[in-house]
Amino acid sequence: MPGAVPIGPLAEMLGGVPIFSSLPDRHLRSLAKELQIQDAEPGRTIVRRGESGLGFYIVLSGEAEVRRGTRRLATLNRGQFFGEMSLLDGGPRSADVVATQPTVLGVLSRWEFVAFADTHPGIYPGMLKECARRLRETDQKLSE
């Protein structure tokens, strides 16, 4: 089991994520308490395209690549995230994400998020805006 990460720094990192940035500190701390910490060694596929999306990931340290086939769509570093669409619908992953360095991730399951959102519905506008931005960015990259 990976080592514990203090709640304060986790909450601060979550506050830097556009879908959570409008939440007050006390809500960020509550959400941070729900994160599970996961290690990924270089070469490990963290999520696979087509698999059910069961949660959201934030890179706490290290690096990972978002890939579709052999094409690299993005490189993710500390504070960057993926899987936000799965929080909304639990649908299939749209790309693979592979660790390229020893990486530590914070993972928020869809079930924990839904329970949180039920009591904090104000989270949805920021989340939808970020999903739309990322979809546009991915569409642009795929059309290049």
N, C-alpha and C. Protein backbone atom coordinates (compact mmCIF):
# COMPACT_ATOMS: atom_id res chain seq x y z
N MET A 1 0.84 -1.18 0.00
CA MET A 1 0.00 0.00 0.00
C MET A 1 0.89 1.24 0.00
N PRO A 2 0.67 2.18 -0.93
CA PRO A 2 1.48 3.38 -0.98
C PRO A 2 1.36 4.18 0.31
N GLY A 3 2.38 5.00 0.61
CA GLY A 3 2.37 5.80 1.82
C GLY A 3 1.28 6.85 1.82
N ALA A 4 0.93 7.30 3.01
CA ALA A 4 -0.10 8.31 3.17
C ALA A 4 0.42 9.67 2.70
N VAL A 5 -0.48 10.46 2.14
CA VAL A 5 -0.17 11.81 1.72
C VAL A 5 -1.05 12.73 2.56
N PRO A 6 -0.48 13.79 3.15
CA PRO A 6 -1.29 14.68 3.98
C PRO A 6 -2.46 15.30 3.22
N ILE A 7 -3.59 15.46 3.91
CA ILE A 7 -4.81 15.97 3.30
C ILE A 7 -4.63 17.39 2.76
N GLY A 8 -3.92 18.25 3.48
CA GLY A 8 -3.74 19.64 3.04
C GLY A 8 -3.17 19.76 1.64
N PRO A 9 -2.02 19.13 1.35
CA PRO A 9 -1.46 19.19 -0.01
C PRO A 9 -2.38 18.56 -1.07
N LEU A 10 -3.07 17.49 -0.71
CA LEU A 10 -4.01 16.87 -1.66
C LEU A 10 -5.14 17.83 -1.98
N ALA A 11 -5.68 18.48 -0.96
CA ALA A 11 -6.76 19.44 -1.17
C ALA A 11 -6.29 20.60 -2.03
N GLU A 12 -5.07 21.05 -1.79
CA GLU A 12 -4.51 22.14 -2.59
C GLU A 12 -4.39 21.74 -4.06
N MET A 13 -3.92 20.51 -4.30
CA MET A 13 -3.80 20.04 -5.69
C MET A 13 -5.17 19.94 -6.34
N LEU A 14 -6.15 19.41 -5.61
CA LEU A 14 -7.51 19.33 -6.16
C LEU A 14 -8.05 20.72 -6.49
N GLY A 15 -7.71 21.71 -5.67
CA GLY A 15 -8.14 23.08 -5.93
C GLY A 15 -7.56 23.65 -7.22
N GLY A 16 -6.46 23.08 -7.68
CA GLY A 16 -5.86 23.49 -8.94
C GLY A 16 -6.48 22.83 -10.16
N VAL A 17 -7.38 21.88 -9.93
CA VAL A 17 -8.06 21.18 -11.02
C VAL A 17 -9.30 22.01 -11.38
N PRO A 18 -9.43 22.43 -12.65
CA PRO A 18 -10.54 23.30 -13.02
C PRO A 18 -11.93 22.81 -12.58
N ILE A 19 -12.17 21.51 -12.60
CA ILE A 19 -13.50 21.04 -12.23
C ILE A 19 -13.79 21.18 -10.75
N PHE A 20 -12.75 21.35 -9.95
CA PHE A 20 -12.93 21.49 -8.50
C PHE A 20 -12.55 22.88 -7.99
N SER A 21 -12.02 23.74 -8.83
CA SER A 21 -11.43 25.00 -8.38
C SER A 21 -12.42 25.96 -7.72
N SER A 22 -13.70 25.83 -7.99
CA SER A 22 -14.67 26.75 -7.39
C SER A 22 -15.14 26.27 -6.01
N LEU A 23 -14.68 25.10 -5.58
CA LEU A 23 -15.10 24.58 -4.28
C LEU A 23 -14.36 25.28 -3.14
N PRO A 24 -15.05 25.54 -2.04
CA PRO A 24 -14.36 26.11 -0.88
C PRO A 24 -13.38 25.10 -0.28
N ASP A 25 -12.41 25.61 0.47
CA ASP A 25 -11.37 24.76 1.06
C ASP A 25 -11.94 23.58 1.85
N ARG A 26 -12.97 23.79 2.63
CA ARG A 26 -13.50 22.69 3.45
C ARG A 26 -14.04 21.56 2.58
N HIS A 27 -14.60 21.90 1.42
CA HIS A 27 -15.09 20.85 0.52
C HIS A 27 -13.94 20.14 -0.19
N LEU A 28 -12.90 20.91 -0.54
CA LEU A 28 -11.71 20.29 -1.14
C LEU A 28 -11.07 19.31 -0.17
N ARG A 29 -11.02 19.67 1.09
CA ARG A 29 -10.45 18.77 2.10
C ARG A 29 -11.30 17.50 2.24
N SER A 30 -12.62 17.66 2.20
CA SER A 30 -13.51 16.49 2.27
C SER A 30 -13.27 15.57 1.09
N LEU A 31 -13.17 16.16 -0.09
CA LEU A 31 -12.94 15.36 -1.29
C LEU A 31 -11.57 14.70 -1.26
N ALA A 32 -10.57 15.43 -0.78
CA ALA A 32 -9.21 14.88 -0.69
C ALA A 32 -9.16 13.64 0.20
N LYS A 33 -9.98 13.62 1.23
CA LYS A 33 -10.01 12.46 2.13
C LYS A 33 -10.49 11.20 1.42
N GLU A 34 -11.20 11.36 0.32
CA GLU A 34 -11.73 10.22 -0.44
C GLU A 34 -10.73 9.65 -1.44
N LEU A 35 -9.63 10.37 -1.70
CA LEU A 35 -8.64 9.90 -2.67
C LEU A 35 -7.90 8.67 -2.16
N GLN A 36 -7.75 7.70 -3.02
CA GLN A 36 -6.90 6.55 -2.76
C GLN A 36 -5.57 6.82 -3.45
N ILE A 37 -4.46 6.50 -2.81
CA ILE A 37 -3.14 6.73 -3.38
C ILE A 37 -2.68 5.44 -4.08
N GLN A 38 -2.16 5.61 -5.30
CA GLN A 38 -1.78 4.47 -6.13
C GLN A 38 -0.43 4.75 -6.78
N ASP A 39 0.46 3.76 -6.77
CA ASP A 39 1.75 3.86 -7.44
C ASP A 39 1.68 3.20 -8.81
N ALA A 40 2.42 3.77 -9.77
CA ALA A 40 2.50 3.16 -11.10
C ALA A 40 3.96 3.23 -11.56
N GLU A 41 4.51 2.08 -11.85
CA GLU A 41 5.89 2.01 -12.36
C GLU A 41 5.91 2.34 -13.85
N PRO A 42 7.07 2.77 -14.38
CA PRO A 42 7.17 3.07 -15.80
C PRO A 42 6.72 1.89 -16.66
N GLY A 43 5.93 2.20 -17.68
CA GLY A 43 5.41 1.18 -18.59
C GLY A 43 4.06 0.62 -18.19
N ARG A 44 3.63 0.88 -16.96
CA ARG A 44 2.33 0.36 -16.52
C ARG A 44 1.19 1.15 -17.17
N THR A 45 0.24 0.41 -17.74
CA THR A 45 -0.96 1.04 -18.27
C THR A 45 -1.91 1.28 -17.10
N ILE A 46 -2.18 2.52 -16.82
CA ILE A 46 -3.02 2.91 -15.70
C ILE A 46 -4.50 2.70 -16.05
N VAL A 47 -4.89 3.17 -17.23
CA VAL A 47 -6.24 2.90 -17.75
C VAL A 47 -6.11 2.54 -19.22
N ARG A 48 -7.05 1.72 -19.69
CA ARG A 48 -7.05 1.28 -21.10
C ARG A 48 -8.26 1.82 -21.84
N ARG A 49 -8.01 2.24 -23.05
CA ARG A 49 -9.09 2.71 -23.91
C ARG A 49 -10.14 1.60 -24.04
N GLY A 50 -11.40 1.98 -23.90
CA GLY A 50 -12.50 1.03 -24.05
C GLY A 50 -12.97 0.41 -22.75
N GLU A 51 -12.12 0.41 -21.71
CA GLU A 51 -12.54 -0.14 -20.42
C GLU A 51 -13.48 0.83 -19.71
N SER A 52 -14.32 0.31 -18.84
CA SER A 52 -15.21 1.17 -18.07
C SER A 52 -14.41 2.15 -17.23
N GLY A 53 -14.87 3.38 -17.24
CA GLY A 53 -14.22 4.41 -16.44
C GLY A 53 -14.78 4.40 -15.03
N LEU A 54 -13.96 3.99 -14.09
CA LEU A 54 -14.44 3.88 -12.71
C LEU A 54 -13.97 5.01 -11.82
N GLY A 55 -13.21 5.98 -12.39
CA GLY A 55 -12.76 7.06 -11.54
C GLY A 55 -11.90 8.09 -12.21
N PHE A 56 -11.54 9.06 -11.40
CA PHE A 56 -10.74 10.23 -11.76
C PHE A 56 -9.35 10.06 -11.16
N TYR A 57 -8.34 10.50 -11.88
CA TYR A 57 -6.95 10.39 -11.42
C TYR A 57 -6.29 11.76 -11.47
N ILE A 58 -5.49 12.05 -10.46
CA ILE A 58 -4.64 13.25 -10.47
C ILE A 58 -3.21 12.79 -10.23
N VAL A 59 -2.30 13.31 -11.03
CA VAL A 59 -0.88 12.95 -10.90
C VAL A 59 -0.29 13.73 -9.72
N LEU A 60 0.12 13.01 -8.70
CA LEU A 60 0.73 13.62 -7.52
C LEU A 60 2.22 13.81 -7.71
N SER A 61 2.85 12.88 -8.43
CA SER A 61 4.26 13.00 -8.81
C SER A 61 4.50 12.05 -9.97
N GLY A 62 5.55 12.32 -10.73
CA GLY A 62 5.89 11.46 -11.86
C GLY A 62 5.32 11.99 -13.16
N GLU A 63 5.14 11.06 -14.10
CA GLU A 63 4.70 11.45 -15.44
C GLU A 63 3.98 10.29 -16.11
N ALA A 64 2.98 10.62 -16.89
CA ALA A 64 2.24 9.61 -17.66
C ALA A 64 1.88 10.20 -19.02
N GLU A 65 1.67 9.33 -19.98
CA GLU A 65 1.26 9.76 -21.31
C GLU A 65 -0.15 9.27 -21.61
N VAL A 66 -0.90 10.15 -22.27
CA VAL A 66 -2.21 9.78 -22.79
C VAL A 66 -1.97 9.35 -24.24
N ARG A 67 -2.41 8.13 -24.56
CA ARG A 67 -2.13 7.58 -25.90
C ARG A 67 -3.39 7.02 -26.53
N ARG A 68 -3.45 7.14 -27.83
CA ARG A 68 -4.47 6.44 -28.60
C ARG A 68 -3.71 5.69 -29.67
N GLY A 69 -3.64 4.36 -29.49
CA GLY A 69 -2.79 3.55 -30.36
C GLY A 69 -1.34 3.92 -30.10
N THR A 70 -0.62 4.25 -31.17
CA THR A 70 0.78 4.65 -31.03
C THR A 70 0.94 6.16 -30.93
N ARG A 71 -0.16 6.87 -31.03
CA ARG A 71 -0.12 8.34 -31.02
C ARG A 71 -0.20 8.89 -29.59
N ARG A 72 0.76 9.74 -29.25
CA ARG A 72 0.76 10.41 -27.94
C ARG A 72 -0.11 11.65 -28.04
N LEU A 73 -1.13 11.73 -27.20
CA LEU A 73 -2.04 12.87 -27.21
C LEU A 73 -1.63 13.94 -26.19
N ALA A 74 -1.04 13.50 -25.08
CA ALA A 74 -0.66 14.46 -24.04
C ALA A 74 0.32 13.80 -23.08
N THR A 75 1.09 14.64 -22.41
CA THR A 75 1.95 14.20 -21.32
C THR A 75 1.41 14.85 -20.05
N LEU A 76 1.23 14.04 -19.02
CA LEU A 76 0.65 14.52 -17.76
C LEU A 76 1.72 14.53 -16.68
N ASN A 77 1.83 15.65 -15.99
CA ASN A 77 2.78 15.82 -14.89
C ASN A 77 2.03 16.19 -13.62
N ARG A 78 2.79 16.49 -12.58
CA ARG A 78 2.24 16.83 -11.27
C ARG A 78 1.09 17.84 -11.39
N GLY A 79 -0.04 17.49 -10.77
CA GLY A 79 -1.20 18.38 -10.74
C GLY A 79 -2.14 18.22 -11.92
N GLN A 80 -1.71 17.48 -12.94
CA GLN A 80 -2.59 17.25 -14.09
C GLN A 80 -3.43 16.01 -13.82
N PHE A 81 -4.48 15.84 -14.59
CA PHE A 81 -5.49 14.83 -14.26
C PHE A 81 -6.10 14.22 -15.50
N PHE A 82 -6.81 13.12 -15.29
CA PHE A 82 -7.56 12.47 -16.36
C PHE A 82 -8.69 11.67 -15.74
N GLY A 83 -9.66 11.30 -16.55
CA GLY A 83 -10.77 10.48 -16.09
C GLY A 83 -11.97 11.27 -15.60
N GLU A 84 -11.97 12.59 -15.81
CA GLU A 84 -13.09 13.38 -15.32
C GLU A 84 -14.42 13.01 -15.98
N MET A 85 -14.37 12.56 -17.24
CA MET A 85 -15.63 12.17 -17.90
C MET A 85 -16.24 10.95 -17.22
N SER A 86 -15.40 10.05 -16.73
CA SER A 86 -15.92 8.86 -16.08
C SER A 86 -16.66 9.18 -14.79
N LEU A 87 -16.34 10.33 -14.18
CA LEU A 87 -17.09 10.73 -12.99
C LEU A 87 -18.53 11.04 -13.34
N LEU A 88 -18.74 11.52 -14.56
CA LEU A 88 -20.09 11.87 -14.99
C LEU A 88 -20.90 10.66 -15.45
N ASP A 89 -20.27 9.77 -16.22
CA ASP A 89 -21.08 8.71 -16.82
C ASP A 89 -20.57 7.29 -16.64
N GLY A 90 -19.36 7.11 -16.16
CA GLY A 90 -18.82 5.77 -16.00
C GLY A 90 -18.60 5.05 -17.32
N GLY A 91 -18.67 5.80 -18.43
CA GLY A 91 -18.51 5.21 -19.76
C GLY A 91 -17.09 4.76 -20.02
N PRO A 92 -16.87 4.18 -21.21
CA PRO A 92 -15.55 3.64 -21.53
C PRO A 92 -14.49 4.74 -21.66
N ARG A 93 -13.27 4.36 -21.32
CA ARG A 93 -12.14 5.28 -21.45
C ARG A 93 -11.91 5.60 -22.92
N SER A 94 -11.52 6.85 -23.19
CA SER A 94 -11.32 7.28 -24.57
C SER A 94 -9.88 7.11 -25.03
N ALA A 95 -8.98 6.78 -24.11
CA ALA A 95 -7.56 6.63 -24.46
C ALA A 95 -6.88 5.78 -23.39
N ASP A 96 -5.68 5.32 -23.72
CA ASP A 96 -4.82 4.66 -22.73
C ASP A 96 -4.04 5.75 -21.99
N VAL A 97 -3.72 5.48 -20.74
CA VAL A 97 -2.80 6.34 -20.00
C VAL A 97 -1.73 5.41 -19.43
N VAL A 98 -0.47 5.72 -19.75
CA VAL A 98 0.66 4.86 -19.40
C VAL A 98 1.69 5.67 -18.62
N ALA A 99 2.14 5.13 -17.49
CA ALA A 99 3.19 5.79 -16.71
C ALA A 99 4.49 5.74 -17.50
N THR A 100 5.19 6.87 -17.56
CA THR A 100 6.47 6.92 -18.25
C THR A 100 7.62 7.09 -17.26
N GLN A 101 7.29 7.36 -16.01
CA GLN A 101 8.25 7.46 -14.90
C GLN A 101 7.56 6.85 -13.68
N PRO A 102 8.30 6.61 -12.61
CA PRO A 102 7.60 6.21 -11.39
C PRO A 102 6.58 7.31 -11.04
N THR A 103 5.34 6.93 -10.89
CA THR A 103 4.26 7.90 -10.76
C THR A 103 3.38 7.56 -9.56
N VAL A 104 2.97 8.60 -8.85
CA VAL A 104 2.03 8.45 -7.75
C VAL A 104 0.76 9.20 -8.13
N LEU A 105 -0.36 8.52 -7.97
CA LEU A 105 -1.66 9.07 -8.38
C LEU A 105 -2.62 9.13 -7.21
N GLY A 106 -3.49 10.14 -7.24
CA GLY A 106 -4.63 10.18 -6.34
C GLY A 106 -5.82 9.74 -7.17
N VAL A 107 -6.60 8.78 -6.66
CA VAL A 107 -7.72 8.21 -7.41
C VAL A 107 -9.01 8.45 -6.65
N LEU A 108 -9.98 9.05 -7.33
CA LEU A 108 -11.30 9.28 -6.77
C LEU A 108 -12.29 8.41 -7.53
N SER A 109 -12.92 7.47 -6.84
CA SER A 109 -13.87 6.58 -7.51
C SER A 109 -15.14 7.33 -7.88
N ARG A 110 -15.81 6.84 -8.88
CA ARG A 110 -17.07 7.44 -9.31
C ARG A 110 -18.09 7.41 -8.16
N TRP A 111 -18.10 6.33 -7.39
CA TRP A 111 -19.07 6.19 -6.30
C TRP A 111 -18.84 7.26 -5.24
N GLU A 112 -17.59 7.50 -4.89
CA GLU A 112 -17.28 8.53 -3.90
C GLU A 112 -17.64 9.91 -4.43
N PHE A 113 -17.34 10.13 -5.72
CA PHE A 113 -17.66 11.43 -6.32
C PHE A 113 -19.16 11.68 -6.33
N VAL A 114 -19.94 10.69 -6.74
CA VAL A 114 -21.40 10.86 -6.81
C VAL A 114 -21.97 11.17 -5.43
N ALA A 115 -21.50 10.48 -4.42
CA ALA A 115 -21.96 10.76 -3.05
C ALA A 115 -21.61 12.20 -2.66
N PHE A 116 -20.42 12.66 -3.03
CA PHE A 116 -20.02 14.03 -2.74
C PHE A 116 -20.89 15.02 -3.52
N ALA A 117 -21.05 14.79 -4.82
CA ALA A 117 -21.80 15.70 -5.68
C ALA A 117 -23.27 15.79 -5.29
N ASP A 118 -23.83 14.72 -4.75
CA ASP A 118 -25.22 14.76 -4.29
C ASP A 118 -25.43 15.83 -3.23
N THR A 119 -24.40 16.09 -2.44
CA THR A 119 -24.52 17.11 -1.40
C THR A 119 -23.85 18.42 -1.80
N HIS A 120 -23.19 18.46 -2.96
CA HIS A 120 -22.49 19.66 -3.45
C HIS A 120 -22.76 19.82 -4.95
N PRO A 121 -24.01 20.04 -5.37
CA PRO A 121 -24.34 20.09 -6.80
C PRO A 121 -23.65 21.23 -7.57
N GLY A 122 -23.12 22.21 -6.88
CA GLY A 122 -22.41 23.30 -7.54
C GLY A 122 -21.14 22.87 -8.25
N ILE A 123 -20.74 21.64 -8.06
CA ILE A 123 -19.52 21.13 -8.69
C ILE A 123 -19.71 20.94 -10.21
N TYR A 124 -20.94 20.70 -10.64
CA TYR A 124 -21.17 20.32 -12.03
C TYR A 124 -20.85 21.38 -13.09
N PRO A 125 -21.16 22.67 -12.92
CA PRO A 125 -20.83 23.63 -13.99
C PRO A 125 -19.35 23.66 -14.35
N GLY A 126 -18.47 23.71 -13.35
CA GLY A 126 -17.03 23.72 -13.64
C GLY A 126 -16.58 22.44 -14.30
N MET A 127 -17.17 21.35 -13.89
CA MET A 127 -16.81 20.05 -14.45
C MET A 127 -17.19 19.97 -15.93
N LEU A 128 -18.39 20.40 -16.25
CA LEU A 128 -18.85 20.34 -17.64
C LEU A 128 -18.03 21.26 -18.53
N LYS A 129 -17.67 22.43 -18.02
CA LYS A 129 -16.85 23.35 -18.79
C LYS A 129 -15.49 22.74 -19.11
N GLU A 130 -14.87 22.10 -18.12
CA GLU A 130 -13.56 21.48 -18.34
C GLU A 130 -13.67 20.28 -19.29
N CYS A 131 -14.70 19.50 -19.17
CA CYS A 131 -14.89 18.36 -20.10
C CYS A 131 -15.01 18.86 -21.53
N ALA A 132 -15.77 19.92 -21.74
CA ALA A 132 -15.94 20.48 -23.08
C ALA A 132 -14.60 21.01 -23.62
N ARG A 133 -13.83 21.69 -22.76
CA ARG A 133 -12.53 22.22 -23.19
C ARG A 133 -11.60 21.09 -23.62
N ARG A 134 -11.57 20.03 -22.82
CA ARG A 134 -10.67 18.92 -23.14
C ARG A 134 -11.13 18.16 -24.38
N LEU A 135 -12.41 18.04 -24.58
CA LEU A 135 -12.93 17.39 -25.78
C LEU A 135 -12.53 18.18 -27.02
N ARG A 136 -12.67 19.48 -26.96
CA ARG A 136 -12.26 20.32 -28.10
C ARG A 136 -10.76 20.18 -28.37
N GLU A 137 -9.96 20.17 -27.32
CA GLU A 137 -8.51 20.04 -27.46
C GLU A 137 -8.15 18.70 -28.10
N THR A 138 -8.79 17.64 -27.65
CA THR A 138 -8.51 16.31 -28.22
C THR A 138 -8.96 16.23 -29.67
N ASP A 139 -10.14 16.76 -29.98
CA ASP A 139 -10.62 16.78 -31.36
C ASP A 139 -9.62 17.51 -32.27
N GLN A 140 -9.09 18.63 -31.78
CA GLN A 140 -8.12 19.40 -32.55
C GLN A 140 -6.87 18.57 -32.81
N LYS A 141 -6.36 17.89 -31.78
CA LYS A 141 -5.16 17.08 -31.94
C LYS A 141 -5.39 15.92 -32.91
N LEU A 142 -6.56 15.32 -32.85
CA LEU A 142 -6.85 14.19 -33.72
C LEU A 142 -7.03 14.62 -35.18
N SER A 143 -7.39 15.87 -35.39
CA SER A 143 -7.60 16.34 -36.77
C SER A 143 -6.31 16.87 -37.40
N GLU A 144 -5.24 16.98 -36.61
CA GLU A 144 -3.95 17.47 -37.14
C GLU A 144 -3.25 16.43 -37.95
